[in-house]
Structure formats: C-alpha cells, structure tokens
Amino acid sequence: MKRIAYATLVILSLSLNSYLSVAAGAQDRPAGVAAANWVPVSDRLGIVLVQSEAPAAVPIPNSQPLLLKPPVPGYFMVKGANGWTRLVIIEPVKGPADVG
C-alpha cells in the first residue's frame, strides 16, 4: 500500500514539475521576440537569432559540401530588475602584431 502511495506522489510531483517548467519557458522571453527566434540560456540570459534573407546557395561542381552552416546574426538579452535589456558586444581594438 505504501508503494502505491509513494508512486502516486512521485508521478504527481513529476507532472507538476514538467507543467511548471514548460509554462514558465513559454512566457519568459522579451516582448516582441518570436518563440522561434528565442534561445534561452538561463532564466536571466538568452540569445535572439535574427532571421535574414540569405541568398540561395550556388552549387559548386567537383567540390566537397561545407560541413558548417554560415553564421546566424543575433544578440544577447539579459533580464534585470527593470526587465529585459539588450547587450551590445564591442569587439576590442586589435593589438600590435598577431596579438589580440
């Protein structure tokens, strides 16, 4: 009898946990960002992928196909006390010679 009670308790807690995690993820993204473009990293950090019109790939005869897809533009968003804020990453100035 105890096994049935424990099994029921475990199943209910797992069901509640999965429901809450799915429900929280769907709502917790910046306003104006589509779900398809949002990649959550944590509950306070995420990446917004910017969909751009890419030109159609031109097949090159007698060559190996590229194993990597071209990079996708995007930006980071961080959640603070006042809501979501876009992070701007500035590339550092290249140093002398091959350093940096």
PDB file of N, CA and C in Angstrom:
ATOM      1  N   MET A   1       0.812  -1.188   0.000  1.00  0.00           N
ATOM      2  CA  MET A   1       0.000   0.000   0.000  1.00  0.00           C
ATOM      3  C   MET A   1       0.863   1.264   0.000  1.00  0.00           C
ATOM      4  N   LYS A   2       1.956   1.193   0.770  1.00  0.00           N
ATOM      5  CA  LYS A   2       2.846   2.349   0.824  1.00  0.00           C
ATOM      6  C   LYS A   2       3.491   2.599  -0.536  1.00  0.00           C
ATOM      7  N   ARG A   3       3.799   1.537  -1.255  1.00  0.00           N
ATOM      8  CA  ARG A   3       4.416   1.696  -2.567  1.00  0.00           C
ATOM      9  C   ARG A   3       3.486   2.440  -3.521  1.00  0.00           C
ATOM     10  N   ILE A   4       2.218   2.121  -3.486  1.00  0.00           N
ATOM     11  CA  ILE A   4       1.254   2.795  -4.353  1.00  0.00           C
ATOM     12  C   ILE A   4       1.163   4.273  -3.989  1.00  0.00           C
ATOM     13  N   ALA A   5       1.163   4.583  -2.718  1.00  0.00           N
ATOM     14  CA  ALA A   5       1.100   5.980  -2.277  1.00  0.00           C
ATOM     15  C   ALA A   5       2.347   6.740  -2.702  1.00  0.00           C
ATOM     16  N   TYR A   6       3.522   6.119  -2.519  1.00  0.00           N
ATOM     17  CA  TYR A   6       4.769   6.770  -2.921  1.00  0.00           C
ATOM     18  C   TYR A   6       4.843   6.945  -4.441  1.00  0.00           C
ATOM     19  N   ALA A   7       4.435   5.930  -5.172  1.00  0.00           N
ATOM     20  CA  ALA A   7       4.451   6.021  -6.635  1.00  0.00           C
ATOM     21  C   ALA A   7       3.517   7.122  -7.117  1.00  0.00           C
ATOM     22  N   THR A   8       2.354   7.227  -6.516  1.00  0.00           N
ATOM     23  CA  THR A   8       1.408   8.285  -6.881  1.00  0.00           C
ATOM     24  C   THR A   8       1.989   9.653  -6.577  1.00  0.00           C
ATOM     25  N   LEU A   9       2.619   9.794  -5.431  1.00  0.00           N
ATOM     26  CA  LEU A   9       3.235  11.069  -5.058  1.00  0.00           C
ATOM     27  C   LEU A   9       4.350  11.451  -6.028  1.00  0.00           C
ATOM     28  N   VAL A  10       5.181  10.493  -6.416  1.00  0.00           N
ATOM     29  CA  VAL A  10       6.267  10.763  -7.350  1.00  0.00           C
ATOM     30  C   VAL A  10       5.712  11.172  -8.712  1.00  0.00           C
ATOM     31  N   ILE A  11       4.716  10.480  -9.197  1.00  0.00           N
ATOM     32  CA  ILE A  11       4.130  10.798 -10.503  1.00  0.00           C
ATOM     33  C   ILE A  11       3.496  12.182 -10.495  1.00  0.00           C
ATOM     34  N   LEU A  12       2.780  12.511  -9.437  1.00  0.00           N
ATOM     35  CA  LEU A  12       2.164  13.835  -9.344  1.00  0.00           C
ATOM     36  C   LEU A  12       3.212  14.941  -9.272  1.00  0.00           C
ATOM     37  N   SER A  13       4.282  14.725  -8.522  1.00  0.00           N
ATOM     38  CA  SER A  13       5.312  15.763  -8.421  1.00  0.00           C
ATOM     39  C   SER A  13       6.043  15.946  -9.747  1.00  0.00           C
ATOM     40  N   LEU A  14       6.308  14.849 -10.464  1.00  0.00           N
ATOM     41  CA  LEU A  14       6.950  14.976 -11.772  1.00  0.00           C
ATOM     42  C   LEU A  14       6.038  15.665 -12.775  1.00  0.00           C
ATOM     43  N   SER A  15       4.766  15.360 -12.737  1.00  0.00           N
ATOM     44  CA  SER A  15       3.813  16.012 -13.639  1.00  0.00           C
ATOM     45  C   SER A  15       3.734  17.504 -13.362  1.00  0.00           C
ATOM     46  N   LEU A  16       3.668  17.877 -12.105  1.00  0.00           N
ATOM     47  CA  LEU A  16       3.600  19.296 -11.745  1.00  0.00           C
ATOM     48  C   LEU A  16       4.880  20.012 -12.138  1.00  0.00           C
ATOM     49  N   ASN A  17       6.016  19.387 -11.906  1.00  0.00           N
ATOM     50  CA  ASN A  17       7.300  19.990 -12.257  1.00  0.00           C
ATOM     51  C   ASN A  17       7.411  20.215 -13.760  1.00  0.00           C
ATOM     52  N   SER A  18       7.032  19.233 -14.569  1.00  0.00           N
ATOM     53  CA  SER A  18       7.118  19.394 -16.024  1.00  0.00           C
ATOM     54  C   SER A  18       6.140  20.449 -16.518  1.00  0.00           C
ATOM     55  N   TYR A  19       4.952  20.512 -15.929  1.00  0.00           N
ATOM     56  CA  TYR A  19       3.984  21.534 -16.324  1.00  0.00           C
ATOM     57  C   TYR A  19       4.510  22.928 -16.023  1.00  0.00           C
ATOM     58  N   LEU A  20       5.067  23.124 -14.843  1.00  0.00           N
ATOM     59  CA  LEU A  20       5.573  24.449 -14.467  1.00  0.00           C
ATOM     60  C   LEU A  20       6.778  24.851 -15.308  1.00  0.00           C
ATOM     61  N   SER A  21       7.658  23.926 -15.627  1.00  0.00           N
ATOM     62  CA  SER A  21       8.835  24.291 -16.415  1.00  0.00           C
ATOM     63  C   SER A  21       8.457  24.633 -17.847  1.00  0.00           C
ATOM     64  N   VAL A  22       7.509  23.943 -18.446  1.00  0.00           N
ATOM     65  CA  VAL A  22       7.075  24.260 -19.807  1.00  0.00           C
ATOM     66  C   VAL A  22       6.320  25.575 -19.830  1.00  0.00           C
ATOM     67  N   ALA A  23       5.465  25.806 -18.860  1.00  0.00           N
ATOM     68  CA  ALA A  23       4.687  27.037 -18.818  1.00  0.00           C
ATOM     69  C   ALA A  23       5.579  28.251 -18.588  1.00  0.00           C
ATOM     70  N   ALA A  24       6.598  28.127 -17.755  1.00  0.00           N
ATOM     71  CA  ALA A  24       7.481  29.260 -17.483  1.00  0.00           C
ATOM     72  C   ALA A  24       8.326  29.599 -18.696  1.00  0.00           C
ATOM     73  N   GLY A  25       8.789  28.612 -19.442  1.00  0.00           N
ATOM     74  CA  GLY A  25       9.637  28.863 -20.593  1.00  0.00           C
ATOM     75  C   GLY A  25       8.909  29.555 -21.724  1.00  0.00           C
ATOM     76  N   ALA A  26       7.640  29.289 -21.886  1.00  0.00           N
ATOM     77  CA  ALA A  26       6.892  29.878 -22.992  1.00  0.00           C
ATOM     78  C   ALA A  26       6.632  31.361 -22.768  1.00  0.00           C
ATOM     79  N   GLN A  27       6.469  31.775 -21.534  1.00  0.00           N
ATOM     80  CA  GLN A  27       6.132  33.167 -21.252  1.00  0.00           C
ATOM     81  C   GLN A  27       7.360  34.030 -20.990  1.00  0.00           C
ATOM     82  N   ASP A  28       8.454  33.441 -20.599  1.00  0.00           N
ATOM     83  CA  ASP A  28       9.582  34.218 -20.108  1.00  0.00           C
ATOM     84  C   ASP A  28      10.582  34.525 -21.213  1.00  0.00           C
ATOM     85  N   ARG A  29      10.192  35.418 -22.110  1.00  0.00           N
ATOM     86  CA  ARG A  29      11.105  35.913 -23.147  1.00  0.00           C
ATOM     87  C   ARG A  29      10.786  37.382 -23.371  1.00  0.00           C
ATOM     88  N   PRO A  30      11.702  38.143 -23.958  1.00  0.00           N
ATOM     89  CA  PRO A  30      11.464  39.567 -24.163  1.00  0.00           C
ATOM     90  C   PRO A  30      10.248  39.830 -25.054  1.00  0.00           C
ATOM     91  N   ALA A  31       9.593  40.946 -24.802  1.00  0.00           N
ATOM     92  CA  ALA A  31       8.431  41.330 -25.608  1.00  0.00           C
ATOM     93  C   ALA A  31       8.882  41.595 -27.042  1.00  0.00           C
ATOM     94  N   GLY A  32       8.099  41.127 -27.997  1.00  0.00           N
ATOM     95  CA  GLY A  32       8.398  41.350 -29.396  1.00  0.00           C
ATOM     96  C   GLY A  32       9.329  40.330 -30.019  1.00  0.00           C
ATOM     97  N   VAL A  33       9.783  39.346 -29.248  1.00  0.00           N
ATOM     98  CA  VAL A  33      10.678  38.317 -29.775  1.00  0.00           C
ATOM     99  C   VAL A  33       9.849  37.053 -29.986  1.00  0.00           C
ATOM    100  N   ALA A  34       9.872  36.538 -31.205  1.00  0.00           N
ATOM    101  CA  ALA A  34       9.120  35.325 -31.526  1.00  0.00           C
ATOM    102  C   ALA A  34       9.755  34.119 -30.842  1.00  0.00           C
ATOM    103  N   ALA A  35       8.930  33.147 -30.533  1.00  0.00           N
ATOM    104  CA  ALA A  35       9.422  31.941 -29.859  1.00  0.00           C
ATOM    105  C   ALA A  35      10.458  31.206 -30.711  1.00  0.00           C
ATOM    106  N   ALA A  36      10.311  31.262 -32.034  1.00  0.00           N
ATOM    107  CA  ALA A  36      11.252  30.578 -32.921  1.00  0.00           C
ATOM    108  C   ALA A  36      12.628  31.251 -32.918  1.00  0.00           C
ATOM    109  N   ASN A  37      12.693  32.525 -32.557  1.00  0.00           N
ATOM    110  CA  ASN A  37      13.959  33.273 -32.561  1.00  0.00           C
ATOM    111  C   ASN A  37      14.605  33.346 -31.190  1.00  0.00           C
ATOM    112  N   TRP A  38      13.969  32.812 -30.149  1.00  0.00           N
ATOM    113  CA  TRP A  38      14.461  32.927 -28.777  1.00  0.00           C
ATOM    114  C   TRP A  38      15.156  31.638 -28.366  1.00  0.00           C
ATOM    115  N   VAL A  39      16.407  31.764 -27.891  1.00  0.00           N
ATOM    116  CA  VAL A  39      17.163  30.625 -27.378  1.00  0.00           C
ATOM    117  C   VAL A  39      17.532  30.938 -25.935  1.00  0.00           C
ATOM    118  N   PRO A  40      16.782  30.392 -24.968  1.00  0.00           N
ATOM    119  CA  PRO A  40      17.108  30.689 -23.566  1.00  0.00           C
ATOM    120  C   PRO A  40      18.378  29.972 -23.133  1.00  0.00           C
ATOM    121  N   VAL A  41      19.265  30.708 -22.472  1.00  0.00           N
ATOM    122  CA  VAL A  41      20.476  30.120 -21.921  1.00  0.00           C
ATOM    123  C   VAL A  41      20.237  29.791 -20.451  1.00  0.00           C
ATOM    124  N   SER A  42      19.620  30.720 -19.744  1.00  0.00           N
ATOM    125  CA  SER A  42      19.204  30.516 -18.362  1.00  0.00           C
ATOM    126  C   SER A  42      17.931  31.333 -18.165  1.00  0.00           C
ATOM    127  N   ASP A  43      17.461  31.440 -16.923  1.00  0.00           N
ATOM    128  CA  ASP A  43      16.244  32.218 -16.696  1.00  0.00           C
ATOM    129  C   ASP A  43      16.494  33.720 -16.807  1.00  0.00           C
ATOM    130  N   ARG A  44      17.757  34.154 -16.820  1.00  0.00           N
ATOM    131  CA  ARG A  44      18.063  35.583 -16.911  1.00  0.00           C
ATOM    132  C   ARG A  44      18.908  35.954 -18.118  1.00  0.00           C
ATOM    133  N   LEU A  45      19.226  35.003 -18.996  1.00  0.00           N
ATOM    134  CA  LEU A  45      20.063  35.265 -20.160  1.00  0.00           C
ATOM    135  C   LEU A  45      19.543  34.466 -21.343  1.00  0.00           C
ATOM    136  N   GLY A  46      19.536  35.102 -22.510  1.00  0.00           N
ATOM    137  CA  GLY A  46      19.089  34.413 -23.706  1.00  0.00           C
ATOM    138  C   GLY A  46      19.695  35.034 -24.949  1.00  0.00           C
ATOM    139  N   ILE A  47      19.527  34.351 -26.077  1.00  0.00           N
ATOM    140  CA  ILE A  47      20.037  34.811 -27.357  1.00  0.00           C
ATOM    141  C   ILE A  47      18.861  34.977 -28.303  1.00  0.00           C
ATOM    142  N   VAL A  48      18.830  36.100 -29.013  1.00  0.00           N
ATOM    143  CA  VAL A  48      17.816  36.344 -30.032  1.00  0.00           C
ATOM    144  C   VAL A  48      18.485  36.157 -31.383  1.00  0.00           C
ATOM    145  N   LEU A  49      17.986  35.205 -32.170  1.00  0.00           N
ATOM    146  CA  LEU A  49      18.515  34.965 -33.503  1.00  0.00           C
ATOM    147  C   LEU A  49      17.758  35.836 -34.484  1.00  0.00           C
ATOM    148  N   VAL A  50      18.493  36.567 -35.312  1.00  0.00           N
ATOM    149  CA  VAL A  50      17.895  37.467 -36.289  1.00  0.00           C
ATOM    150  C   VAL A  50      17.817  36.723 -37.616  1.00  0.00           C
ATOM    151  N   GLN A  51      16.613  36.524 -38.092  1.00  0.00           N
ATOM    152  CA  GLN A  51      16.422  35.834 -39.363  1.00  0.00           C
ATOM    153  C   GLN A  51      16.639  36.826 -40.495  1.00  0.00           C
ATOM    154  N   SER A  52      17.524  36.488 -41.394  1.00  0.00           N
ATOM    155  CA  SER A  52      17.787  37.372 -42.519  1.00  0.00           C
ATOM    156  C   SER A  52      17.562  36.602 -43.813  1.00  0.00           C
ATOM    157  N   GLU A  53      17.330  37.347 -44.867  1.00  0.00           N
ATOM    158  CA  GLU A  53      17.149  36.739 -46.178  1.00  0.00           C
ATOM    159  C   GLU A  53      18.518  36.348 -46.718  1.00  0.00           C
ATOM    160  N   ALA A  54      18.807  35.069 -46.693  1.00  0.00           N
ATOM    161  CA  ALA A  54      20.091  34.591 -47.188  1.00  0.00           C
ATOM    162  C   ALA A  54      19.955  34.226 -48.662  1.00  0.00           C
ATOM    163  N   PRO A  55      20.945  34.566 -49.465  1.00  0.00           N
ATOM    164  CA  PRO A  55      20.869  34.174 -50.875  1.00  0.00           C
ATOM    165  C   PRO A  55      20.939  32.664 -51.007  1.00  0.00           C
ATOM    166  N   ALA A  56      20.321  32.164 -52.033  1.00  0.00           N
ATOM    167  CA  ALA A  56      20.326  30.718 -52.270  1.00  0.00           C
ATOM    168  C   ALA A  56      21.741  30.259 -52.557  1.00  0.00           C
ATOM    169  N   ALA A  57      22.086  29.100 -52.029  1.00  0.00           N
ATOM    170  CA  ALA A  57      23.433  28.566 -52.229  1.00  0.00           C
ATOM    171  C   ALA A  57      23.603  28.119 -53.674  1.00  0.00           C
ATOM    172  N   VAL A  58      24.718  28.501 -54.241  1.00  0.00           N
ATOM    173  CA  VAL A  58      25.027  28.119 -55.616  1.00  0.00           C
ATOM    174  C   VAL A  58      25.892  26.873 -55.562  1.00  0.00           C
ATOM    175  N   PRO A  59      25.451  25.782 -56.165  1.00  0.00           N
ATOM    176  CA  PRO A  59      26.269  24.563 -56.113  1.00  0.00           C
ATOM    177  C   PRO A  59      27.562  24.741 -56.896  1.00  0.00           C
ATOM    178  N   ILE A  60      28.659  24.252 -56.310  1.00  0.00           N
ATOM    179  CA  ILE A  60      29.964  24.322 -56.963  1.00  0.00           C
ATOM    180  C   ILE A  60      30.318  22.909 -57.391  1.00  0.00           C
ATOM    181  N   PRO A  61      30.524  22.692 -58.681  1.00  0.00           N
ATOM    182  CA  PRO A  61      30.816  21.333 -59.142  1.00  0.00           C
ATOM    183  C   PRO A  61      32.177  20.848 -58.659  1.00  0.00           C
ATOM    184  N   ASN A  62      32.281  19.550 -58.465  1.00  0.00           N
ATOM    185  CA  ASN A  62      33.528  18.886 -58.081  1.00  0.00           C
ATOM    186  C   ASN A  62      34.125  19.438 -56.792  1.00  0.00           C
ATOM    187  N   SER A  63      33.303  19.706 -55.799  1.00  0.00           N
ATOM    188  CA  SER A  63      33.823  20.176 -54.517  1.00  0.00           C
ATOM    189  C   SER A  63      33.099  19.455 -53.393  1.00  0.00           C
ATOM    190  N   GLN A  64      33.713  19.457 -52.231  1.00  0.00           N
ATOM    191  CA  GLN A  64      33.087  18.845 -51.074  1.00  0.00           C
ATOM    192  C   GLN A  64      32.058  19.821 -50.506  1.00  0.00           C
ATOM    193  N   PRO A  65      30.948  19.308 -49.989  1.00  0.00           N
ATOM    194  CA  PRO A  65      29.995  20.212 -49.352  1.00  0.00           C
ATOM    195  C   PRO A  65      30.573  20.745 -48.041  1.00  0.00           C
ATOM    196  N   LEU A  66      30.232  21.953 -47.712  1.00  0.00           N
ATOM    197  CA  LEU A  66      30.690  22.535 -46.457  1.00  0.00           C
ATOM    198  C   LEU A  66      30.015  21.830 -45.292  1.00  0.00           C
ATOM    199  N   LEU A  67      30.767  21.565 -44.270  1.00  0.00           N
ATOM    200  CA  LEU A  67      30.222  20.873 -43.111  1.00  0.00           C
ATOM    201  C   LEU A  67      29.572  21.844 -42.130  1.00  0.00           C
ATOM    202  N   LEU A  68      29.929  23.111 -42.197  1.00  0.00           N
ATOM    203  CA  LEU A  68      29.378  24.104 -41.280  1.00  0.00           C
ATOM    204  C   LEU A  68      28.404  25.008 -42.012  1.00  0.00           C
ATOM    205  N   LYS A  69      27.339  25.361 -41.327  1.00  0.00           N
ATOM    206  CA  LYS A  69      26.401  26.331 -41.887  1.00  0.00           C
ATOM    207  C   LYS A  69      26.977  27.725 -41.668  1.00  0.00           C
ATOM    208  N   PRO A  70      26.570  28.703 -42.468  1.00  0.00           N
ATOM    209  CA  PRO A  70      27.058  30.061 -42.243  1.00  0.00           C
ATOM    210  C   PRO A  70      26.531  30.597 -40.914  1.00  0.00           C
ATOM    211  N   PRO A  71      27.256  31.535 -40.298  1.00  0.00           N
ATOM    212  CA  PRO A  71      26.814  32.065 -39.005  1.00  0.00           C
ATOM    213  C   PRO A  71      25.495  32.808 -39.129  1.00  0.00           C
ATOM    214  N   VAL A  72      24.741  32.803 -38.048  1.00  0.00           N
ATOM    215  CA  VAL A  72      23.456  33.491 -37.986  1.00  0.00           C
ATOM    216  C   VAL A  72      23.619  34.710 -37.088  1.00  0.00           C
ATOM    217  N   PRO A  73      23.203  35.890 -37.565  1.00  0.00           N
ATOM    218  CA  PRO A  73      23.327  37.070 -36.705  1.00  0.00           C
ATOM    219  C   PRO A  73      22.340  37.000 -35.548  1.00  0.00           C
ATOM    220  N   GLY A  74      22.715  37.641 -34.442  1.00  0.00           N
ATOM    221  CA  GLY A  74      21.852  37.666 -33.272  1.00  0.00           C
ATOM    222  C   GLY A  74      22.446  38.555 -32.200  1.00  0.00           C
ATOM    223  N   TYR A  75      21.794  38.589 -31.058  1.00  0.00           N
ATOM    224  CA  TYR A  75      22.265  39.394 -29.940  1.00  0.00           C
ATOM    225  C   TYR A  75      21.808  38.769 -28.641  1.00  0.00           C
ATOM    226  N   PHE A  76      22.486  39.142 -27.539  1.00  0.00           N
ATOM    227  CA  PHE A  76      22.172  38.638 -26.218  1.00  0.00           C
ATOM    228  C   PHE A  76      21.162  39.554 -25.530  1.00  0.00           C
ATOM    229  N   MET A  77      20.328  38.955 -24.674  1.00  0.00           N
ATOM    230  CA  MET A  77      19.411  39.707 -23.826  1.00  0.00           C
ATOM    231  C   MET A  77      19.615  39.225 -22.395  1.00  0.00           C
ATOM    232  N   VAL A  78      19.613  40.156 -21.451  1.00  0.00           N
ATOM    233  CA  VAL A  78      19.761  39.812 -20.042  1.00  0.00           C
ATOM    234  C   VAL A  78      18.577  40.396 -19.279  1.00  0.00           C
ATOM    235  N   LYS A  79      18.081  39.658 -18.304  1.00  0.00           N
ATOM    236  CA  LYS A  79      16.930  40.093 -17.519  1.00  0.00           C
ATOM    237  C   LYS A  79      17.415  40.651 -16.199  1.00  0.00           C
ATOM    238  N   GLY A  80      17.083  41.904 -15.947  1.00  0.00           N
ATOM    239  CA  GLY A  80      17.447  42.561 -14.702  1.00  0.00           C
ATOM    240  C   GLY A  80      16.204  42.968 -13.928  1.00  0.00           C
ATOM    241  N   ALA A  81      16.377  43.873 -12.983  1.00  0.00           N
ATOM    242  CA  ALA A  81      15.262  44.326 -12.156  1.00  0.00           C
ATOM    243  C   ALA A  81      14.218  45.094 -12.961  1.00  0.00           C
ATOM    244  N   ASN A  82      14.636  45.746 -14.040  1.00  0.00           N
ATOM    245  CA  ASN A  82      13.707  46.538 -14.860  1.00  0.00           C
ATOM    246  C   ASN A  82      13.217  45.797 -16.094  1.00  0.00           C
ATOM    247  N   GLY A  83      13.474  44.507 -16.205  1.00  0.00           N
ATOM    248  CA  GLY A  83      13.039  43.737 -17.367  1.00  0.00           C
ATOM    249  C   GLY A  83      14.211  43.354 -18.251  1.00  0.00           C
ATOM    250  N   TRP A  84      13.913  43.024 -19.504  1.00  0.00           N
ATOM    251  CA  TRP A  84      14.926  42.556 -20.446  1.00  0.00           C
ATOM    252  C   TRP A  84      15.690  43.723 -21.058  1.00  0.00           C
ATOM    253  N   THR A  85      17.009  43.558 -21.185  1.00  0.00           N
ATOM    254  CA  THR A  85      17.887  44.568 -21.770  1.00  0.00           C
ATOM    255  C   THR A  85      18.784  43.894 -22.797  1.00  0.00           C
ATOM    256  N   ARG A  86      18.958  44.577 -23.927  1.00  0.00           N
ATOM    257  CA  ARG A  86      19.834  44.057 -24.969  1.00  0.00           C
ATOM    258  C   ARG A  86      21.287  44.357 -24.624  1.00  0.00           C
ATOM    259  N   LEU A  87      22.151  43.342 -24.764  1.00  0.00           N
ATOM    260  CA  LEU A  87      23.575  43.525 -24.521  1.00  0.00           C
ATOM    261  C   LEU A  87      24.269  43.803 -25.838  1.00  0.00           C
ATOM    262  N   VAL A  88      25.134  44.804 -25.834  1.00  0.00           N
ATOM    263  CA  VAL A  88      25.917  45.139 -27.021  1.00  0.00           C
ATOM    264  C   VAL A  88      27.352  44.702 -26.763  1.00  0.00           C
ATOM    265  N   ILE A  89      27.871  43.886 -27.650  1.00  0.00           N
ATOM    266  CA  ILE A  89      29.239  43.399 -27.518  1.00  0.00           C
ATOM    267  C   ILE A  89      30.098  44.181 -28.484  1.00  0.00           C
ATOM    268  N   ILE A  90      31.128  44.815 -27.951  1.00  0.00           N
ATOM    269  CA  ILE A  90      32.027  45.632 -28.758  1.00  0.00           C
ATOM    270  C   ILE A  90      33.326  44.866 -28.940  1.00  0.00           C
ATOM    271  N   GLU A  91      33.723  44.696 -30.195  1.00  0.00           N
ATOM    272  CA  GLU A  91      34.969  43.998 -30.487  1.00  0.00           C
ATOM    273  C   GLU A  91      36.136  44.879 -30.042  1.00  0.00           C
ATOM    274  N   PRO A  92      37.114  44.314 -29.333  1.00  0.00           N
ATOM    275  CA  PRO A  92      38.260  45.122 -28.906  1.00  0.00           C
ATOM    276  C   PRO A  92      39.122  45.497 -30.096  1.00  0.00           C
ATOM    277  N   VAL A  93      39.860  46.582 -29.942  1.00  0.00           N
ATOM    278  CA  VAL A  93      40.781  47.018 -30.981  1.00  0.00           C
ATOM    279  C   VAL A  93      41.912  46.010 -31.055  1.00  0.00           C
ATOM    280  N   LYS A  94      42.287  45.648 -32.272  1.00  0.00           N
ATOM    281  CA  LYS A  94      43.354  44.657 -32.442  1.00  0.00           C
ATOM    282  C   LYS A  94      44.679  45.236 -31.973  1.00  0.00           C
ATOM    283  N   GLY A  95      45.396  44.419 -31.219  1.00  0.00           N
ATOM    284  CA  GLY A  95      46.677  44.849 -30.668  1.00  0.00           C
ATOM    285  C   GLY A  95      47.803  44.778 -31.699  1.00  0.00           C
ATOM    286  N   PRO A  96      49.003  45.061 -31.291  1.00  0.00           N
ATOM    287  CA  PRO A  96      50.130  45.031 -32.216  1.00  0.00           C
ATOM    288  C   PRO A  96      50.453  43.602 -32.654  1.00  0.00           C
ATOM    289  N   ALA A  97      50.976  43.492 -33.844  1.00  0.00           N
ATOM    290  CA  ALA A  97      51.384  42.205 -34.447  1.00  0.00           C
ATOM    291  C   ALA A  97      50.222  41.240 -34.494  1.00  0.00           C
ATOM    292  N   ASP A  98      50.453  40.004 -34.100  1.00  0.00           N
ATOM    293  CA  ASP A  98      49.418  38.976 -34.176  1.00  0.00           C
ATOM    294  C   ASP A  98      48.678  38.811 -32.843  1.00  0.00           C
ATOM    295  N   VAL A  99      48.945  39.665 -31.868  1.00  0.00           N
ATOM    296  CA  VAL A  99      48.285  39.550 -30.570  1.00  0.00           C
ATOM    297  C   VAL A  99      46.919  40.213 -30.647  1.00  0.00           C
ATOM    298  N   GLY A 100      45.927  39.609 -30.036  1.00  0.00           N
ATOM    299  CA  GLY A 100      44.603  40.205 -29.958  1.00  0.00           C
ATOM    300  C   GLY A 100      43.808  39.856 -31.113  1.00  0.00           C
TER     301      GLY A 100
END
